[in-house]
Amino acid sequence: MPINTIELENAIRKVLAISHLEIVDQSSGCGDNYAVLLVSDVFEGKSTLARHRMVNELLKDEIAQMHAFSQKTYTTKQWEALAAKTS
């Protein structure tokens, strides 16, 4: 059974201290393909691969219900710097 956006958000917030979160259902509402953007200080000092592995492990039950899952992970400092560049 596909997971919905609210369930995915709750699962993420339950396991990670998130300062910014964006969830996009890329499957036209059927819940099989999600893209998430996560901003958290728990990513500080970790490589992108380590961050993604951590998120995949923490959300393995939810991800198992999807066809596709993509993620972008940033520290608060990285996110602020990115936002400053686009302003």
C-alpha atoms as a PDB file:
ATOM      1  CA  MET A   1       0.000   0.000   0.000  1.00  0.00           C
ATOM      2  CA  PRO A   2       1.494   3.374  -1.004  1.00  0.00           C
ATOM      3  CA  ILE A   3       2.409   5.881   1.660  1.00  0.00           C
ATOM      4  CA  ASN A   4       0.903   9.377   1.603  1.00  0.00           C
ATOM      5  CA  THR A   5       2.652  12.707   2.078  1.00  0.00           C
ATOM      6  CA  ILE A   6       1.415  13.207   5.646  1.00  0.00           C
ATOM      7  CA  GLU A   7       2.586   9.749   6.739  1.00  0.00           C
ATOM      8  CA  LEU A   8       5.983  10.355   5.147  1.00  0.00           C
ATOM      9  CA  GLU A   9       6.331  13.748   6.822  1.00  0.00           C
ATOM     10  CA  ASN A  10       5.384  12.282  10.209  1.00  0.00           C
ATOM     11  CA  ALA A  11       7.881   9.443   9.774  1.00  0.00           C
ATOM     12  CA  ILE A  12      10.680  11.900   8.907  1.00  0.00           C
ATOM     13  CA  ARG A  13       9.933  14.278  11.766  1.00  0.00           C
ATOM     14  CA  LYS A  14       9.729  11.340  14.181  1.00  0.00           C
ATOM     15  CA  VAL A  15      13.328  10.250  13.521  1.00  0.00           C
ATOM     16  CA  LEU A  16      15.151  13.448  12.497  1.00  0.00           C
ATOM     17  CA  ALA A  17      15.371  16.960  13.908  1.00  0.00           C
ATOM     18  CA  ILE A  18      14.458  18.855  10.738  1.00  0.00           C
ATOM     19  CA  SER A  19      14.659  22.625  10.338  1.00  0.00           C
ATOM     20  CA  HIS A  20      13.237  22.602   6.792  1.00  0.00           C
ATOM     21  CA  LEU A  21      11.385  19.874   4.896  1.00  0.00           C
ATOM     22  CA  GLU A  22       9.917  19.725   1.411  1.00  0.00           C
ATOM     23  CA  ILE A  23       8.103  16.647   0.120  1.00  0.00           C
ATOM     24  CA  VAL A  24       6.984  16.329  -3.492  1.00  0.00           C
ATOM     25  CA  ASP A  25       4.793  13.465  -4.676  1.00  0.00           C
ATOM     26  CA  GLN A  26       6.135  12.940  -8.184  1.00  0.00           C
ATOM     27  CA  SER A  27       3.642  10.190  -8.955  1.00  0.00           C
ATOM     28  CA  SER A  28       0.593  12.393  -9.567  1.00  0.00           C
ATOM     29  CA  GLY A  29      -0.914  11.540  -6.214  1.00  0.00           C
ATOM     30  CA  CYS A  30      -0.612   7.758  -6.099  1.00  0.00           C
ATOM     31  CA  GLY A  31       2.213   7.828  -3.506  1.00  0.00           C
ATOM     32  CA  ASP A  32       4.728   5.674  -5.359  1.00  0.00           C
ATOM     33  CA  ASN A  33       7.416   8.270  -6.076  1.00  0.00           C
ATOM     34  CA  TYR A  34       8.621  10.944  -3.656  1.00  0.00           C
ATOM     35  CA  ALA A  35      11.360  13.552  -3.737  1.00  0.00           C
ATOM     36  CA  VAL A  36      12.318  15.077  -0.399  1.00  0.00           C
ATOM     37  CA  LEU A  37      14.538  17.947   0.616  1.00  0.00           C
ATOM     38  CA  LEU A  38      15.782  17.730   4.190  1.00  0.00           C
ATOM     39  CA  VAL A  39      17.650  20.391   6.151  1.00  0.00           C
ATOM     40  CA  SER A  40      19.074  19.332   9.502  1.00  0.00           C
ATOM     41  CA  ASP A  41      22.129  19.885  11.644  1.00  0.00           C
ATOM     42  CA  VAL A  42      22.403  16.104  12.138  1.00  0.00           C
ATOM     43  CA  PHE A  43      24.008  16.078   8.667  1.00  0.00           C
ATOM     44  CA  GLU A  44      26.908  18.264   9.833  1.00  0.00           C
ATOM     45  CA  GLY A  45      30.262  16.611   9.100  1.00  0.00           C
ATOM     46  CA  LYS A  46      28.735  13.791   7.045  1.00  0.00           C
ATOM     47  CA  SER A  47      29.268  13.195   3.346  1.00  0.00           C
ATOM     48  CA  THR A  48      26.284  13.211   1.007  1.00  0.00           C
ATOM     49  CA  LEU A  49      26.493   9.427   0.753  1.00  0.00           C
ATOM     50  CA  ALA A  50      26.520   9.037   4.553  1.00  0.00           C
ATOM     51  CA  ARG A  51      23.530  11.383   4.848  1.00  0.00           C
ATOM     52  CA  HIS A  52      21.541   9.459   2.253  1.00  0.00           C
ATOM     53  CA  ARG A  53      22.385   6.127   3.831  1.00  0.00           C
ATOM     54  CA  MET A  54      21.269   7.444   7.219  1.00  0.00           C
ATOM     55  CA  VAL A  55      17.934   8.682   5.832  1.00  0.00           C
ATOM     56  CA  ASN A  56      17.407   5.455   3.873  1.00  0.00           C
ATOM     57  CA  GLU A  57      18.009   3.384   7.001  1.00  0.00           C
ATOM     58  CA  LEU A  58      15.755   5.521   9.194  1.00  0.00           C
ATOM     59  CA  LEU A  59      12.935   5.439   6.617  1.00  0.00           C
ATOM     60  CA  LYS A  60      13.435   1.898   5.299  1.00  0.00           C
ATOM     61  CA  ASP A  61       9.860   0.792   6.092  1.00  0.00           C
ATOM     62  CA  GLU A  62       8.354   3.812   4.344  1.00  0.00           C
ATOM     63  CA  ILE A  63      10.719   3.593   1.366  1.00  0.00           C
ATOM     64  CA  ALA A  64       9.821  -0.090   0.947  1.00  0.00           C
ATOM     65  CA  GLN A  65       6.261   1.040   0.132  1.00  0.00           C
ATOM     66  CA  MET A  66       7.434   3.290  -2.735  1.00  0.00           C
ATOM     67  CA  HIS A  67       8.544   2.710  -6.279  1.00  0.00           C
ATOM     68  CA  ALA A  68      11.072   5.573  -6.170  1.00  0.00           C
ATOM     69  CA  PHE A  69      12.562   7.853  -3.516  1.00  0.00           C
ATOM     70  CA  SER A  70      15.024  10.689  -4.067  1.00  0.00           C
ATOM     71  CA  GLN A  71      16.498  13.029  -1.516  1.00  0.00           C
ATOM     72  CA  LYS A  72      18.549  16.172  -1.144  1.00  0.00           C
ATOM     73  CA  THR A  73      20.140  16.718   2.247  1.00  0.00           C
ATOM     74  CA  TYR A  74      21.647  19.938   3.579  1.00  0.00           C
ATOM     75  CA  THR A  75      22.944  21.289   6.843  1.00  0.00           C
ATOM     76  CA  THR A  76      21.387  24.538   8.016  1.00  0.00           C
ATOM     77  CA  LYS A  77      24.529  26.439   6.974  1.00  0.00           C
ATOM     78  CA  GLN A  78      24.473  24.891   3.489  1.00  0.00           C
ATOM     79  CA  TRP A  79      20.766  25.652   3.091  1.00  0.00           C
ATOM     80  CA  GLU A  80      21.223  29.281   4.156  1.00  0.00           C
ATOM     81  CA  ALA A  81      24.147  29.689   1.743  1.00  0.00           C
ATOM     82  CA  LEU A  82      22.104  28.178  -1.078  1.00  0.00           C
ATOM     83  CA  ALA A  83      19.169  30.452  -0.290  1.00  0.00           C
ATOM     84  CA  ALA A  84      21.468  33.497  -0.277  1.00  0.00           C
ATOM     85  CA  LYS A  85      22.777  32.601  -3.741  1.00  0.00           C
ATOM     86  CA  THR A  86      19.282  32.363  -5.206  1.00  0.00           C
ATOM     87  CA  SER A  87      18.057  35.626  -3.648  1.00  0.00           C
END
